């Protein structure tokens, strides 16, 4: 983290901007909810990949972190965070790198969801005499990875690990299909499905004589929609720290809770088309068009003023590599936009997907309530 006397309107563009009061509000909101539900909270740091953000989450009460890459695990462990869940299925080729963290004292949890991966962990242990605990990924909504709670493979994987001398530390699941919903009742129902499925998987393992302490669930929508979490020990969520337009469409945040935006500058116009051209194309916003399949399509982002005031009726309708096209959301040709947004005007664009947009930048510019700007590093890669 470095401090700066530069103001928001003086930054080079495009730039990734964090609204600190909004971010702190989001962190407090989630942590308070987890406390009320009686579970620990393990934030997913893939959204930000930023130590300054994670320190704020830990200061609020988070216990441990979730990562999606070994590079994240290495960077956050080097910064002093010990309890880390690597929530992507492990493969044999990555075990030496993962075990290097384990040897250094990292309480690294690995994840498997198939017999081959489980056997690879056991083989590594037999050869090298080292292995951190392993969690089994459970599929509770058919979204992506995992073993369904009633599958025979769940116990088969558990037995391979246990018989091979590996501690089965827990089960984990991610209801990613929650991103496709937009109704509170449906979100609550999916949260219960997620909870019940993961708890059931843990129960089956325990009944088979395979200890299973942790029961870990989570997505931002289900974390905020769950009515109770009986049997769950921890929750994971990531995008909540910034939120984004997809989450707004899902119904779990208000527009004025979105803490990440891209600062951009007007560089020209196509007056006959009603276009304002800005210097934030898809290299800044990302190609993520997650709102296209939702009730409200925000194009490549929602423009707003430097103070966060929305420009209603306008959308970033198109994006080339370094050019963004701002125009009327309804497709009409607005002849007042060139006058309203002359060349050199700076504005902000709220993103569809905070994780994808953040990934386009090497650093964030964190803006306090008083307008002060701090530069927060962000890392890339795997």
Foldseek 3Di string as FASTA:
>chain_A
DFFDPDFPLPDDPFAKAFAVVLLLVLLLVLLVLCVVQPAAEAEEALLFLFPVSVVSNVVNGHQHYEYQDVVSVVVVVVVPGAEYEHPDADDLVCVVVVVVSVVVRHLYEHEHAAQRSLLSQLVCCVVPVDDHAYEYEEEQDPPDDHHWLPDPRLQVSLCSQVVSPHAHAAYEYEPPCLLVAADLVVLQVSLVSQLVRQLSSCVVCVVVVHHHDAREYEEVSSSQRHPHRPSHHYYYYYCSSQPFVSVVLSPRDDLVSRGIKTKWFFADADLVQQKTKIQQFCLQLPPDQSCPSTPDGQAFFWKDAPVSHGPPQKHQNHGDNGITIIGGPVRDRDNCVCVVRPGGHMIITTGHRSSRNSQSDQWYWYAYPVRITDITGRDDDD
